[in-house]
Amino acid sequence: MLDRETKEMFSEHIGETFRITLESADAINLELIEVTALPERTFQPKKWGRASEIKIRPDPFSMVFRGPKDFFLEQRMYTLEHEVMGTLEGPFLVPIDEDDRGFYYEVIFN
């Protein structure tokens, strides 16, 4: 199980397969095709008595996966499994595109 996901961890596995097992016992393979750094965001909780900014995540990034053309995954949380990285519980996959090669999904760690 992954404890603290980083852009570098996933960048090493671009082009590799991540597997999602669905409730129906079907398994879907997704190919990691892109890992991108995102701008750092901060939160200023003035309403709750804190005066300083809090970094929401020090190293935000997004990942794009390509899935099969014949199976569409709805937007929701899934469990991803990777041969080397192990299990990633609960990333929120969002469908973002499709072409003749398949459907594309994004996961953001922000």
N, C-alpha and C. Protein backbone atom coordinates (compact mmCIF):
# COMPACT_ATOMS: atom_id res chain seq x y z
N MET A 1 0.84 -1.19 0.00
CA MET A 1 0.00 0.00 0.00
C MET A 1 0.89 1.25 0.00
N LEU A 2 0.45 2.26 -0.72
CA LEU A 2 1.21 3.50 -0.79
C LEU A 2 0.78 4.43 0.33
N ASP A 3 1.76 5.06 0.98
CA ASP A 3 1.43 5.97 2.07
C ASP A 3 1.45 7.43 1.63
N ARG A 4 2.41 7.79 0.82
CA ARG A 4 2.56 9.18 0.38
C ARG A 4 2.97 9.20 -1.08
N GLU A 5 2.01 9.43 -1.93
CA GLU A 5 2.24 9.40 -3.36
C GLU A 5 3.02 10.63 -3.80
N THR A 6 3.97 10.44 -4.72
CA THR A 6 4.72 11.55 -5.28
C THR A 6 4.77 11.42 -6.80
N LYS A 7 4.99 12.54 -7.43
CA LYS A 7 5.12 12.58 -8.88
C LYS A 7 6.25 11.66 -9.33
N GLU A 8 7.36 11.67 -8.63
CA GLU A 8 8.52 10.87 -9.00
C GLU A 8 8.22 9.37 -8.94
N MET A 9 7.45 8.96 -7.94
CA MET A 9 7.09 7.54 -7.81
C MET A 9 6.38 7.04 -9.06
N PHE A 10 5.43 7.83 -9.54
CA PHE A 10 4.64 7.40 -10.68
C PHE A 10 5.36 7.65 -12.01
N SER A 11 6.18 8.67 -12.09
CA SER A 11 6.90 8.98 -13.34
C SER A 11 7.75 7.80 -13.80
N GLU A 12 8.25 7.03 -12.85
CA GLU A 12 9.07 5.86 -13.18
C GLU A 12 8.27 4.76 -13.87
N HIS A 13 6.95 4.87 -13.85
CA HIS A 13 6.11 3.79 -14.35
C HIS A 13 5.23 4.20 -15.53
N ILE A 14 5.59 5.30 -16.21
CA ILE A 14 4.86 5.70 -17.41
C ILE A 14 5.00 4.59 -18.45
N GLY A 15 3.90 4.27 -19.08
CA GLY A 15 3.88 3.20 -20.08
C GLY A 15 3.54 1.84 -19.50
N GLU A 16 3.40 1.76 -18.19
CA GLU A 16 3.11 0.49 -17.54
C GLU A 16 1.62 0.36 -17.21
N THR A 17 1.23 -0.85 -16.86
CA THR A 17 -0.17 -1.19 -16.62
C THR A 17 -0.54 -1.10 -15.15
N PHE A 18 -1.66 -0.46 -14.89
CA PHE A 18 -2.30 -0.44 -13.57
C PHE A 18 -3.64 -1.14 -13.74
N ARG A 19 -4.02 -1.93 -12.75
CA ARG A 19 -5.21 -2.76 -12.85
C ARG A 19 -6.27 -2.30 -11.87
N ILE A 20 -7.52 -2.29 -12.33
CA ILE A 20 -8.67 -2.00 -11.49
C ILE A 20 -9.55 -3.24 -11.49
N THR A 21 -9.89 -3.75 -10.31
CA THR A 21 -10.83 -4.86 -10.21
C THR A 21 -12.17 -4.30 -9.78
N LEU A 22 -13.20 -4.58 -10.55
CA LEU A 22 -14.52 -4.04 -10.30
C LEU A 22 -15.36 -5.01 -9.47
N GLU A 23 -16.47 -4.52 -8.93
CA GLU A 23 -17.35 -5.35 -8.11
C GLU A 23 -17.84 -6.57 -8.87
N SER A 24 -17.97 -6.43 -10.18
CA SER A 24 -18.45 -7.53 -11.01
C SER A 24 -17.38 -8.59 -11.23
N ALA A 25 -16.23 -8.41 -10.60
CA ALA A 25 -15.07 -9.30 -10.69
C ALA A 25 -14.31 -9.13 -12.00
N ASP A 26 -14.77 -8.21 -12.85
CA ASP A 26 -14.01 -7.89 -14.05
C ASP A 26 -12.78 -7.09 -13.65
N ALA A 27 -11.72 -7.25 -14.40
CA ALA A 27 -10.51 -6.46 -14.18
C ALA A 27 -10.25 -5.64 -15.43
N ILE A 28 -9.91 -4.39 -15.23
CA ILE A 28 -9.64 -3.47 -16.33
C ILE A 28 -8.20 -3.00 -16.21
N ASN A 29 -7.49 -3.04 -17.32
CA ASN A 29 -6.11 -2.54 -17.34
C ASN A 29 -6.08 -1.13 -17.87
N LEU A 30 -5.35 -0.26 -17.17
CA LEU A 30 -5.13 1.11 -17.59
C LEU A 30 -3.64 1.32 -17.80
N GLU A 31 -3.29 2.04 -18.83
CA GLU A 31 -1.88 2.37 -19.06
C GLU A 31 -1.62 3.79 -18.57
N LEU A 32 -0.61 3.96 -17.73
CA LEU A 32 -0.22 5.29 -17.28
C LEU A 32 0.52 5.95 -18.44
N ILE A 33 -0.02 7.07 -18.94
CA ILE A 33 0.60 7.70 -20.11
C ILE A 33 1.21 9.06 -19.82
N GLU A 34 0.87 9.66 -18.68
CA GLU A 34 1.41 11.00 -18.39
C GLU A 34 1.37 11.29 -16.90
N VAL A 35 2.41 11.94 -16.40
CA VAL A 35 2.46 12.43 -15.03
C VAL A 35 2.94 13.88 -15.12
N THR A 36 2.17 14.80 -14.55
CA THR A 36 2.46 16.24 -14.70
C THR A 36 2.43 16.95 -13.36
N ALA A 37 3.44 17.76 -13.09
CA ALA A 37 3.44 18.59 -11.89
C ALA A 37 2.37 19.67 -12.02
N LEU A 38 1.74 20.01 -10.90
CA LEU A 38 0.73 21.07 -10.86
C LEU A 38 1.21 22.19 -9.95
N PRO A 39 0.68 23.40 -10.12
CA PRO A 39 1.07 24.50 -9.24
C PRO A 39 0.68 24.21 -7.80
N GLU A 40 1.52 24.61 -6.89
CA GLU A 40 1.25 24.44 -5.46
C GLU A 40 0.11 25.36 -5.04
N ARG A 41 -0.77 24.86 -4.19
CA ARG A 41 -1.89 25.65 -3.69
C ARG A 41 -1.77 25.83 -2.19
N THR A 42 -2.32 26.92 -1.70
CA THR A 42 -2.36 27.14 -0.26
C THR A 42 -3.79 27.44 0.17
N PHE A 43 -4.01 27.31 1.44
CA PHE A 43 -5.32 27.52 2.03
C PHE A 43 -5.15 28.49 3.19
N GLN A 44 -5.98 29.53 3.25
CA GLN A 44 -5.91 30.49 4.34
C GLN A 44 -7.16 30.37 5.20
N PRO A 45 -7.09 29.61 6.28
CA PRO A 45 -8.27 29.35 7.11
C PRO A 45 -8.58 30.47 8.09
N LYS A 46 -8.91 31.65 7.60
CA LYS A 46 -9.16 32.80 8.46
C LYS A 46 -10.38 32.59 9.36
N LYS A 47 -11.36 31.88 8.90
CA LYS A 47 -12.57 31.69 9.68
C LYS A 47 -12.34 30.83 10.92
N TRP A 48 -11.33 30.03 10.92
CA TRP A 48 -11.14 29.08 12.01
C TRP A 48 -9.97 29.44 12.92
N GLY A 49 -9.55 30.68 12.87
CA GLY A 49 -8.59 31.17 13.84
C GLY A 49 -7.12 31.02 13.48
N ARG A 50 -6.80 30.42 12.39
CA ARG A 50 -5.39 30.30 12.00
C ARG A 50 -5.01 31.49 11.13
N ALA A 51 -3.88 32.05 11.40
CA ALA A 51 -3.47 33.25 10.67
C ALA A 51 -2.55 32.94 9.50
N SER A 52 -1.92 31.79 9.48
CA SER A 52 -0.94 31.51 8.43
C SER A 52 -1.52 30.64 7.32
N GLU A 53 -0.84 30.65 6.18
CA GLU A 53 -1.24 29.81 5.06
C GLU A 53 -0.81 28.37 5.30
N ILE A 54 -1.61 27.46 4.84
CA ILE A 54 -1.30 26.05 4.95
C ILE A 54 -1.16 25.50 3.53
N LYS A 55 -0.07 24.83 3.27
CA LYS A 55 0.09 24.19 1.97
C LYS A 55 -0.81 22.97 1.94
N ILE A 56 -1.65 22.90 0.94
CA ILE A 56 -2.56 21.77 0.84
C ILE A 56 -1.77 20.50 0.52
N ARG A 57 -0.85 20.60 -0.38
CA ARG A 57 0.04 19.49 -0.73
C ARG A 57 1.32 20.10 -1.27
N PRO A 58 2.47 19.69 -0.77
CA PRO A 58 3.71 20.32 -1.21
C PRO A 58 4.12 19.97 -2.64
N ASP A 59 3.59 18.89 -3.19
CA ASP A 59 4.02 18.48 -4.53
C ASP A 59 2.83 17.98 -5.35
N PRO A 60 1.84 18.84 -5.66
CA PRO A 60 0.67 18.38 -6.40
C PRO A 60 1.03 17.91 -7.81
N PHE A 61 0.30 16.89 -8.28
CA PHE A 61 0.54 16.40 -9.63
C PHE A 61 -0.72 15.71 -10.14
N SER A 62 -0.74 15.49 -11.45
CA SER A 62 -1.84 14.75 -12.05
C SER A 62 -1.27 13.58 -12.84
N MET A 63 -2.11 12.58 -13.03
CA MET A 63 -1.75 11.42 -13.84
C MET A 63 -2.86 11.19 -14.85
N VAL A 64 -2.47 10.79 -16.05
CA VAL A 64 -3.45 10.45 -17.07
C VAL A 64 -3.24 8.98 -17.44
N PHE A 65 -4.35 8.25 -17.46
CA PHE A 65 -4.35 6.84 -17.82
C PHE A 65 -5.18 6.65 -19.08
N ARG A 66 -4.80 5.65 -19.88
CA ARG A 66 -5.62 5.27 -21.02
C ARG A 66 -6.19 3.88 -20.75
N GLY A 67 -7.51 3.75 -20.92
CA GLY A 67 -8.17 2.47 -20.74
C GLY A 67 -8.67 1.95 -22.07
N PRO A 68 -9.25 0.77 -22.06
CA PRO A 68 -9.72 0.17 -23.30
C PRO A 68 -10.88 0.94 -23.92
N LYS A 69 -10.98 0.82 -25.22
CA LYS A 69 -12.05 1.49 -25.97
C LYS A 69 -13.41 0.84 -25.72
N ASP A 70 -13.41 -0.43 -25.36
CA ASP A 70 -14.66 -1.16 -25.23
C ASP A 70 -15.22 -1.19 -23.80
N PHE A 71 -14.61 -0.42 -22.89
CA PHE A 71 -15.11 -0.38 -21.52
C PHE A 71 -14.91 1.02 -20.95
N PHE A 72 -15.99 1.63 -20.47
CA PHE A 72 -15.94 2.98 -19.92
C PHE A 72 -16.05 2.92 -18.40
N LEU A 73 -15.13 3.58 -17.71
CA LEU A 73 -15.17 3.69 -16.25
C LEU A 73 -15.84 5.01 -15.87
N GLU A 74 -16.82 4.93 -15.00
CA GLU A 74 -17.49 6.13 -14.53
C GLU A 74 -16.60 6.89 -13.55
N GLN A 75 -16.88 8.16 -13.41
CA GLN A 75 -16.14 9.01 -12.47
C GLN A 75 -16.44 8.56 -11.05
N ARG A 76 -15.41 8.11 -10.33
CA ARG A 76 -15.55 7.72 -8.93
C ARG A 76 -14.20 7.24 -8.40
N MET A 77 -14.20 6.82 -7.14
CA MET A 77 -12.99 6.29 -6.53
C MET A 77 -12.82 4.81 -6.89
N TYR A 78 -11.57 4.43 -7.16
CA TYR A 78 -11.23 3.06 -7.50
C TYR A 78 -9.99 2.64 -6.72
N THR A 79 -9.70 1.36 -6.71
CA THR A 79 -8.45 0.85 -6.18
C THR A 79 -7.59 0.44 -7.36
N LEU A 80 -6.40 1.03 -7.45
CA LEU A 80 -5.45 0.69 -8.51
C LEU A 80 -4.40 -0.25 -7.98
N GLU A 81 -4.03 -1.23 -8.78
CA GLU A 81 -2.97 -2.16 -8.41
C GLU A 81 -1.88 -2.13 -9.47
N HIS A 82 -0.65 -2.15 -9.00
CA HIS A 82 0.51 -2.16 -9.90
C HIS A 82 1.46 -3.24 -9.43
N GLU A 83 2.07 -3.92 -10.38
CA GLU A 83 2.95 -5.05 -10.08
C GLU A 83 4.08 -4.69 -9.12
N VAL A 84 4.66 -3.52 -9.26
CA VAL A 84 5.80 -3.10 -8.43
C VAL A 84 5.36 -2.18 -7.29
N MET A 85 4.48 -1.23 -7.59
CA MET A 85 4.09 -0.22 -6.60
C MET A 85 3.10 -0.73 -5.57
N GLY A 86 2.40 -1.78 -5.88
CA GLY A 86 1.42 -2.30 -4.94
C GLY A 86 0.04 -1.70 -5.17
N THR A 87 -0.70 -1.50 -4.09
CA THR A 87 -2.09 -1.06 -4.15
C THR A 87 -2.23 0.40 -3.76
N LEU A 88 -2.98 1.12 -4.55
CA LEU A 88 -3.30 2.52 -4.27
C LEU A 88 -4.81 2.58 -4.04
N GLU A 89 -5.20 2.79 -2.78
CA GLU A 89 -6.61 2.80 -2.40
C GLU A 89 -7.25 4.15 -2.65
N GLY A 90 -8.34 4.14 -3.39
CA GLY A 90 -9.23 5.27 -3.47
C GLY A 90 -8.88 6.49 -4.30
N PRO A 91 -8.03 6.42 -5.33
CA PRO A 91 -7.89 7.62 -6.15
C PRO A 91 -9.19 7.87 -6.93
N PHE A 92 -9.49 9.13 -7.16
CA PHE A 92 -10.71 9.52 -7.85
C PHE A 92 -10.40 9.68 -9.33
N LEU A 93 -10.88 8.76 -10.15
CA LEU A 93 -10.66 8.80 -11.59
C LEU A 93 -11.76 9.61 -12.26
N VAL A 94 -11.36 10.50 -13.14
CA VAL A 94 -12.30 11.34 -13.87
C VAL A 94 -12.09 11.11 -15.37
N PRO A 95 -13.13 10.72 -16.11
CA PRO A 95 -12.98 10.59 -17.56
C PRO A 95 -12.73 11.96 -18.17
N ILE A 96 -11.74 12.05 -19.04
CA ILE A 96 -11.42 13.37 -19.61
C ILE A 96 -11.42 13.40 -21.14
N ASP A 97 -11.36 12.23 -21.79
CA ASP A 97 -11.27 12.25 -23.24
C ASP A 97 -11.44 10.84 -23.78
N GLU A 98 -11.56 10.73 -25.08
CA GLU A 98 -11.54 9.44 -25.75
C GLU A 98 -11.07 9.64 -27.19
N ASP A 99 -10.49 8.60 -27.74
CA ASP A 99 -10.12 8.59 -29.15
C ASP A 99 -10.20 7.15 -29.63
N ASP A 100 -9.65 6.88 -30.80
CA ASP A 100 -9.74 5.53 -31.36
C ASP A 100 -8.92 4.50 -30.59
N ARG A 101 -8.06 4.96 -29.67
CA ARG A 101 -7.23 4.05 -28.87
C ARG A 101 -7.85 3.71 -27.52
N GLY A 102 -8.82 4.51 -27.05
CA GLY A 102 -9.46 4.21 -25.78
C GLY A 102 -9.99 5.44 -25.07
N PHE A 103 -10.39 5.22 -23.82
CA PHE A 103 -10.86 6.30 -22.96
C PHE A 103 -9.70 6.76 -22.07
N TYR A 104 -9.69 8.07 -21.76
CA TYR A 104 -8.63 8.66 -20.95
C TYR A 104 -9.22 9.13 -19.63
N TYR A 105 -8.45 8.92 -18.56
CA TYR A 105 -8.88 9.25 -17.20
C TYR A 105 -7.78 10.01 -16.49
N GLU A 106 -8.18 10.95 -15.64
CA GLU A 106 -7.20 11.73 -14.87
C GLU A 106 -7.41 11.51 -13.38
N VAL A 107 -6.30 11.46 -12.68
CA VAL A 107 -6.27 11.42 -11.21
C VAL A 107 -5.43 12.61 -10.78
N ILE A 108 -5.93 13.40 -9.84
CA ILE A 108 -5.18 14.57 -9.36
C ILE A 108 -4.87 14.39 -7.89
N PHE A 109 -3.61 14.57 -7.54
CA PHE A 109 -3.16 14.62 -6.15
C PHE A 109 -2.85 16.08 -5.88
N ASN A 110 -3.77 16.77 -5.23
CA ASN A 110 -3.67 18.22 -5.08
C ASN A 110 -3.77 18.62 -3.64
